[in-house]
Amino acid sequence: MSTPTRDTTPSVLFVCVHNAGRSQMAAGWLRHLAGNTVEVRSAGSAPAEHVNPVAVEAMREVGIDIAGEQPKILDWDTAEASDVIVTMGCGDTCPVFPGTRYEDWKLTDPAGQPLSVVREVRDEIRQHVARLLDDLT
């Protein structure tokens, strides 16, 4: 179990390469499931211009709107201020900070995938997020 080190609200940073699919869906799930009990962040090592529209559609199907999100670059300060960093294929570009909890989720990249595949990724991410939330609370 991770104990927040920076304040009373744990913060989670989801990181993938483009910050357009997996990390955005994970952030959407955590916001949905945790409300404001967890600070949720997402970023990418090489952010895309927009969130993947198929990921937006898959999340919309379960009542979560990520259409207004914008991919963001992974920066040192955001990573350093996070209690938990969850990587999803960002490779060696993810910084490492002592005392920060790390998880690496092996997930299919939804880029270029049909909605049926993205739905499977969405559901797998929900399971990971639920387990993480149980651990944090």
Protein backbone atom coordinates (compact mmCIF):
# COMPACT_ATOMS: atom_id res chain seq x y z
CA MET A 1 0.00 0.00 0.00
CA SER A 2 1.30 3.43 -0.92
CA THR A 3 1.22 6.17 1.65
CA PRO A 4 1.05 9.65 0.15
CA THR A 5 4.18 11.58 1.01
CA ARG A 6 3.42 15.09 -0.17
CA ASP A 7 0.02 15.90 1.36
CA THR A 8 -3.15 14.12 2.41
CA THR A 9 -4.50 13.63 -1.12
CA PRO A 10 -2.61 11.03 -3.14
CA SER A 11 -1.62 12.03 -6.66
CA VAL A 12 -1.39 9.66 -9.59
CA LEU A 13 0.31 10.40 -12.91
CA PHE A 14 -0.55 8.22 -15.91
CA VAL A 15 2.11 8.29 -18.64
CA CYS A 16 2.12 6.91 -22.17
CA VAL A 17 3.93 8.03 -25.30
CA HIS A 18 1.26 10.18 -26.95
CA ASN A 19 -0.99 10.91 -23.94
CA ALA A 20 -3.86 10.41 -26.34
CA GLY A 21 -5.31 7.00 -25.49
CA ARG A 22 -4.27 4.74 -22.61
CA SER A 23 -3.21 7.45 -20.17
CA GLN A 24 -6.26 9.60 -20.97
CA MET A 25 -8.62 6.66 -20.47
CA ALA A 26 -6.89 5.76 -17.18
CA ALA A 27 -7.15 9.35 -15.96
CA GLY A 28 -10.83 9.42 -16.94
CA TRP A 29 -11.52 6.19 -15.05
CA LEU A 30 -9.69 7.35 -11.92
CA ARG A 31 -11.50 10.71 -11.88
CA HIS A 32 -14.79 8.85 -12.34
CA LEU A 33 -14.16 6.23 -9.66
CA ALA A 34 -12.30 8.36 -7.08
CA GLY A 35 -14.03 11.70 -7.40
CA ASN A 36 -11.82 14.28 -5.74
CA THR A 37 -10.16 11.85 -3.31
CA VAL A 38 -7.18 11.46 -5.66
CA GLU A 39 -5.37 14.08 -7.71
CA VAL A 40 -5.26 12.76 -11.27
CA ARG A 41 -2.67 13.73 -13.88
CA SER A 42 -1.65 12.40 -17.28
CA ALA A 43 1.18 13.17 -19.67
CA GLY A 44 3.16 11.78 -22.57
CA SER A 45 6.77 11.62 -23.65
CA ALA A 46 5.78 12.68 -27.20
CA PRO A 47 2.21 14.04 -26.92
CA ALA A 48 -0.17 13.93 -29.87
CA GLU A 49 -2.18 16.95 -30.97
CA HIS A 50 -5.51 15.52 -29.80
CA VAL A 51 -6.96 12.70 -27.74
CA ASN A 52 -7.66 9.62 -29.86
CA PRO A 53 -11.29 9.98 -31.06
CA VAL A 54 -11.86 6.22 -30.77
CA ALA A 55 -10.74 6.37 -27.12
CA VAL A 56 -13.13 9.29 -26.61
CA GLU A 57 -15.97 7.23 -28.11
CA ALA A 58 -15.14 4.13 -26.04
CA MET A 59 -15.15 6.18 -22.83
CA ARG A 60 -18.33 8.00 -23.82
CA GLU A 61 -20.04 4.59 -24.04
CA VAL A 62 -19.47 4.13 -20.29
CA GLY A 63 -20.52 7.67 -19.41
CA ILE A 64 -17.06 9.25 -19.11
CA ASP A 65 -16.25 12.30 -21.23
CA ILE A 66 -12.57 12.77 -22.08
CA ALA A 67 -13.24 14.81 -25.24
CA GLY A 68 -12.13 18.06 -23.59
CA GLU A 69 -8.75 16.69 -22.49
CA GLN A 70 -5.56 17.84 -24.20
CA PRO A 71 -2.39 15.72 -24.46
CA LYS A 72 0.40 17.18 -22.33
CA ILE A 73 4.16 16.76 -22.30
CA LEU A 74 5.67 14.82 -19.44
CA ASP A 75 7.59 17.30 -17.32
CA TRP A 76 9.93 16.82 -14.40
CA ASP A 77 7.90 18.86 -11.88
CA THR A 78 4.65 16.97 -12.51
CA ALA A 79 6.39 13.62 -12.18
CA GLU A 80 8.28 14.66 -9.06
CA ALA A 81 5.06 15.88 -7.40
CA SER A 82 3.26 12.56 -7.99
CA ASP A 83 2.92 9.82 -5.37
CA VAL A 84 2.27 7.13 -7.97
CA ILE A 85 3.47 7.06 -11.57
CA VAL A 86 1.82 4.54 -13.86
CA THR A 87 3.60 3.99 -17.16
CA MET A 88 2.01 2.49 -20.23
CA GLY A 89 4.79 2.23 -22.77
CA CYS A 90 6.81 5.43 -22.36
CA GLY A 91 10.07 3.51 -22.12
CA ASP A 92 13.20 5.16 -20.80
CA THR A 93 11.77 8.70 -20.92
CA CYS A 94 9.97 8.28 -17.59
CA PRO A 95 11.91 9.93 -14.75
CA VAL A 96 12.58 8.01 -11.54
CA PHE A 97 12.23 9.65 -8.14
CA PRO A 98 13.11 8.04 -4.81
CA GLY A 99 10.02 7.43 -2.68
CA THR A 100 7.64 7.43 -5.64
CA ARG A 101 5.64 4.30 -6.34
CA TYR A 102 5.87 3.01 -9.92
CA GLU A 103 3.63 0.65 -11.85
CA ASP A 104 4.00 -0.38 -15.47
CA TRP A 105 0.79 -1.56 -17.09
CA LYS A 106 1.26 -3.63 -20.26
CA LEU A 107 -1.64 -2.53 -22.43
CA THR A 108 -2.40 -2.58 -26.14
CA ASP A 109 -1.89 0.84 -27.72
CA PRO A 110 -5.33 1.95 -28.97
CA ALA A 111 -3.80 4.10 -31.75
CA GLY A 112 -5.14 2.93 -35.08
CA GLN A 113 -7.27 0.19 -33.49
CA PRO A 114 -10.97 -0.36 -34.17
CA LEU A 115 -13.53 0.48 -31.49
CA SER A 116 -13.90 -3.19 -30.52
CA VAL A 117 -10.21 -3.38 -29.52
CA VAL A 118 -10.30 -0.01 -27.77
CA ARG A 119 -13.28 -1.21 -25.72
CA GLU A 120 -11.18 -4.14 -24.51
CA VAL A 121 -8.32 -1.79 -23.59
CA ARG A 122 -10.79 0.51 -21.82
CA ASP A 123 -12.17 -2.36 -19.75
CA GLU A 124 -8.69 -3.64 -18.88
CA ILE A 125 -7.67 -0.15 -17.79
CA ARG A 126 -10.75 0.08 -15.56
CA GLN A 127 -9.67 -3.11 -13.76
CA HIS A 128 -6.16 -1.75 -13.19
CA VAL A 129 -7.51 1.61 -11.99
CA ALA A 130 -9.97 -0.05 -9.57
CA ARG A 131 -7.14 -2.10 -8.04
CA LEU A 132 -4.94 0.97 -7.75
CA LEU A 133 -7.73 2.96 -6.11
CA ASP A 134 -8.40 0.15 -3.61
CA ASP A 135 -4.72 0.22 -2.74
CA LEU A 136 -4.63 4.00 -2.31
CA THR A 137 -7.75 4.18 -0.17
